Amino acid sequence: MRLHRYILVAMAAVLLVGCWSTRQTATTAPAGVVAEPEVPQRQLTVTTFTATVNGISASGQLRVAEDSVIWVSVNKLVELGRGLATKDSVWLIAPIANGEFAGSYDDLSRLTRRQISYDDLQAIVTAEDADMQIESLAASLGLEMKVYITGRRKVKKLTFPFKK
């Protein structure tokens, strides 16, 4: 019993130390130093959801950087799958099912027998009724899915660089 307490205390200490930020940021450039050009900013939308497929429920997170990239991750105790969609390609991986896909939107359209583009995906996942649109997309692919959006927030300033 004591050993379990020591392990829990050690894990908590490691987590707290890992979250401690030691980075110091400068607010102004020193005299005589030319500041770097400003990086274009994008809005990031983060949506959390719960999806049920064939009676199995899993949660996930969907992140969209406007006109740039879409990330998705689905978990149930372990990661069930993740995906990344950019303007020109799509990557999907499902480690539990040993499934993976990497290709263009033409390849994805041939596989799903439905015309899909990045703009279509972005419109679906950022819509107010995204849960219903995702369910409709799944139904067209032959899957019975129920999706519940559990949270959505917009991050106003995204400062890492993206190419348009």
Protein backbone atom coordinates (compact mmCIF):
# COMPACT_ATOMS: atom_id res chain seq x y z
CA MET A 1 0.00 0.00 0.00
CA ARG A 2 2.83 2.43 0.83
CA LEU A 3 4.60 1.64 -2.40
CA HIS A 4 1.50 2.71 -4.35
CA ARG A 5 1.45 6.05 -2.49
CA TYR A 6 5.10 6.69 -3.26
CA ILE A 7 4.56 5.88 -6.92
CA LEU A 8 1.53 8.21 -7.11
CA VAL A 9 3.42 11.04 -5.38
CA ALA A 10 6.41 10.55 -7.72
CA MET A 11 4.17 10.57 -10.81
CA ALA A 12 2.40 13.74 -9.61
CA ALA A 13 5.75 15.44 -9.02
CA VAL A 14 6.98 14.49 -12.50
CA LEU A 15 3.78 15.84 -14.06
CA LEU A 16 3.99 19.11 -12.15
CA VAL A 17 7.65 19.63 -13.05
CA GLY A 18 6.90 18.78 -16.69
CA CYS A 19 4.21 21.47 -16.82
CA TRP A 20 6.47 24.14 -15.33
CA SER A 21 7.46 26.68 -17.98
CA THR A 22 10.99 28.04 -17.81
CA ARG A 23 10.83 30.00 -21.07
CA GLN A 24 11.18 33.76 -20.77
CA THR A 25 9.96 35.88 -23.65
CA ALA A 26 11.29 39.27 -24.64
CA THR A 27 8.67 41.93 -25.25
CA THR A 28 10.86 44.28 -27.29
CA ALA A 29 13.96 43.90 -29.40
CA PRO A 30 17.19 45.38 -28.03
CA ALA A 31 18.35 48.64 -29.61
CA GLY A 32 20.10 48.14 -32.95
CA VAL A 33 18.55 44.69 -33.58
CA VAL A 34 16.18 44.30 -36.50
CA ALA A 35 12.99 42.51 -35.53
CA GLU A 36 11.94 39.46 -37.55
CA PRO A 37 9.09 39.91 -40.02
CA GLU A 38 5.66 39.26 -38.60
CA VAL A 39 4.37 35.72 -39.08
CA PRO A 40 0.87 35.51 -40.57
CA GLN A 41 -1.70 34.47 -38.00
CA ARG A 42 -4.50 31.97 -38.45
CA GLN A 43 -7.56 31.17 -36.38
CA LEU A 44 -7.56 27.71 -34.85
CA THR A 45 -10.88 26.02 -34.06
CA VAL A 46 -10.71 23.17 -31.52
CA THR A 47 -13.73 20.87 -31.26
CA THR A 48 -14.11 17.96 -28.87
CA PHE A 49 -16.60 15.24 -29.66
CA THR A 50 -17.94 11.82 -28.74
CA ALA A 51 -18.78 9.38 -31.53
CA THR A 52 -20.61 6.06 -31.35
CA VAL A 53 -20.12 3.51 -34.14
CA ASN A 54 -21.75 0.07 -33.90
CA GLY A 55 -22.39 0.59 -30.18
CA ILE A 56 -18.77 1.48 -29.40
CA SER A 57 -18.25 4.98 -28.06
CA ALA A 58 -15.01 6.97 -28.37
CA SER A 59 -14.00 10.57 -27.79
CA GLY A 60 -11.83 12.77 -29.90
CA GLN A 61 -10.52 16.15 -30.79
CA LEU A 62 -10.76 17.97 -34.09
CA ARG A 63 -8.52 20.98 -34.80
CA VAL A 64 -8.84 23.20 -37.85
CA ALA A 65 -6.42 25.96 -38.84
CA GLU A 66 -8.40 28.01 -41.36
CA ASP A 67 -7.50 27.31 -45.00
CA SER A 68 -4.46 25.30 -43.97
CA VAL A 69 -4.77 22.01 -42.09
CA ILE A 70 -7.24 19.75 -40.25
CA TRP A 71 -6.13 17.37 -37.49
CA VAL A 72 -8.33 14.69 -35.90
CA SER A 73 -7.60 12.25 -33.09
CA VAL A 74 -9.97 9.56 -31.73
CA ASN A 75 -9.38 7.83 -28.37
CA LYS A 76 -10.90 5.19 -26.12
CA LEU A 77 -8.34 4.42 -23.41
CA VAL A 78 -5.80 4.18 -26.26
CA GLU A 79 -5.61 6.05 -29.52
CA LEU A 80 -7.90 4.43 -32.08
CA GLY A 81 -6.92 6.65 -34.97
CA ARG A 82 -5.62 9.98 -36.15
CA GLY A 83 -5.71 11.95 -39.33
CA LEU A 84 -4.27 14.99 -41.02
CA ALA A 85 -5.71 16.77 -44.05
CA THR A 86 -3.96 19.54 -45.92
CA LYS A 87 -4.95 21.34 -49.13
CA ASP A 88 -3.34 18.67 -51.32
CA SER A 89 -3.24 15.40 -49.33
CA VAL A 90 -4.79 13.27 -46.60
CA TRP A 91 -3.14 10.96 -44.06
CA LEU A 92 -5.18 8.58 -41.89
CA ILE A 93 -3.93 5.90 -39.51
CA ALA A 94 -5.80 3.45 -37.29
CA PRO A 95 -3.15 1.49 -35.34
CA ILE A 96 -5.65 -0.84 -33.65
CA ALA A 97 -7.05 -1.99 -37.01
CA ASN A 98 -3.65 -1.91 -38.76
CA GLY A 99 -5.17 0.48 -41.28
CA GLU A 100 -3.59 3.44 -42.93
CA PHE A 101 -4.15 5.73 -45.88
CA ALA A 102 -1.94 8.39 -47.42
CA GLY A 103 -2.83 10.00 -50.69
CA SER A 104 -4.46 12.77 -52.62
CA TYR A 105 -8.11 13.77 -52.59
CA ASP A 106 -8.56 11.95 -55.92
CA ASP A 107 -7.35 8.73 -54.26
CA LEU A 108 -9.69 9.31 -51.30
CA SER A 109 -12.62 10.04 -53.64
CA ARG A 110 -12.00 6.77 -55.53
CA LEU A 111 -11.82 4.84 -52.25
CA THR A 112 -15.01 6.34 -50.77
CA ARG A 113 -16.88 6.65 -54.11
CA ARG A 114 -17.76 10.21 -53.16
CA GLN A 115 -16.17 13.44 -54.39
CA ILE A 116 -14.29 14.96 -51.42
CA SER A 117 -12.09 18.06 -51.33
CA TYR A 118 -10.31 19.97 -48.56
CA ASP A 119 -12.85 22.80 -48.78
CA ASP A 120 -15.69 20.26 -48.32
CA LEU A 121 -14.00 18.77 -45.24
CA GLN A 122 -13.34 22.19 -43.73
CA ALA A 123 -16.94 23.27 -44.33
CA ILE A 124 -18.25 20.09 -42.71
CA VAL A 125 -16.13 20.22 -39.56
CA THR A 126 -16.47 23.97 -38.92
CA ALA A 127 -20.24 24.17 -39.51
CA GLU A 128 -22.59 24.82 -36.59
CA ASP A 129 -24.30 21.49 -37.31
CA ALA A 130 -21.00 19.61 -37.77
CA ASP A 131 -22.30 16.59 -35.84
CA MET A 132 -25.18 16.10 -38.29
CA GLN A 133 -22.95 16.66 -41.32
CA ILE A 134 -20.36 14.14 -40.09
CA GLU A 135 -23.15 11.60 -39.46
CA SER A 136 -24.42 12.21 -43.01
CA LEU A 137 -20.92 11.72 -44.45
CA ALA A 138 -20.52 8.48 -42.46
CA ALA A 139 -23.92 7.22 -43.65
CA SER A 140 -22.90 7.82 -47.28
CA LEU A 141 -19.87 5.61 -46.59
CA GLY A 142 -22.07 2.85 -45.11
CA LEU A 143 -21.35 3.53 -41.42
CA GLU A 144 -23.99 4.09 -38.77
CA MET A 145 -22.54 6.78 -36.53
CA LYS A 146 -23.87 9.12 -33.86
CA VAL A 147 -21.75 12.20 -33.07
CA TYR A 148 -22.11 14.57 -30.10
CA ILE A 149 -20.11 17.81 -30.07
CA THR A 150 -19.01 18.26 -26.45
CA GLY A 151 -17.11 21.53 -26.82
CA ARG A 152 -15.84 24.08 -29.31
CA ARG A 153 -13.51 27.00 -28.86
CA LYS A 154 -11.68 29.35 -31.17
CA VAL A 155 -8.10 30.35 -30.51
CA LYS A 156 -7.78 33.88 -31.84
CA LYS A 157 -4.03 34.07 -32.40
CA LEU A 158 -2.17 31.18 -33.92
CA THR A 159 1.39 32.35 -34.39
CA PHE A 160 3.27 29.44 -35.91
CA PRO A 161 3.77 29.81 -39.67
CA PHE A 162 1.52 28.23 -42.25
CA LYS A 163 1.88 28.70 -45.96
CA LYS A 164 -1.23 29.65 -47.83
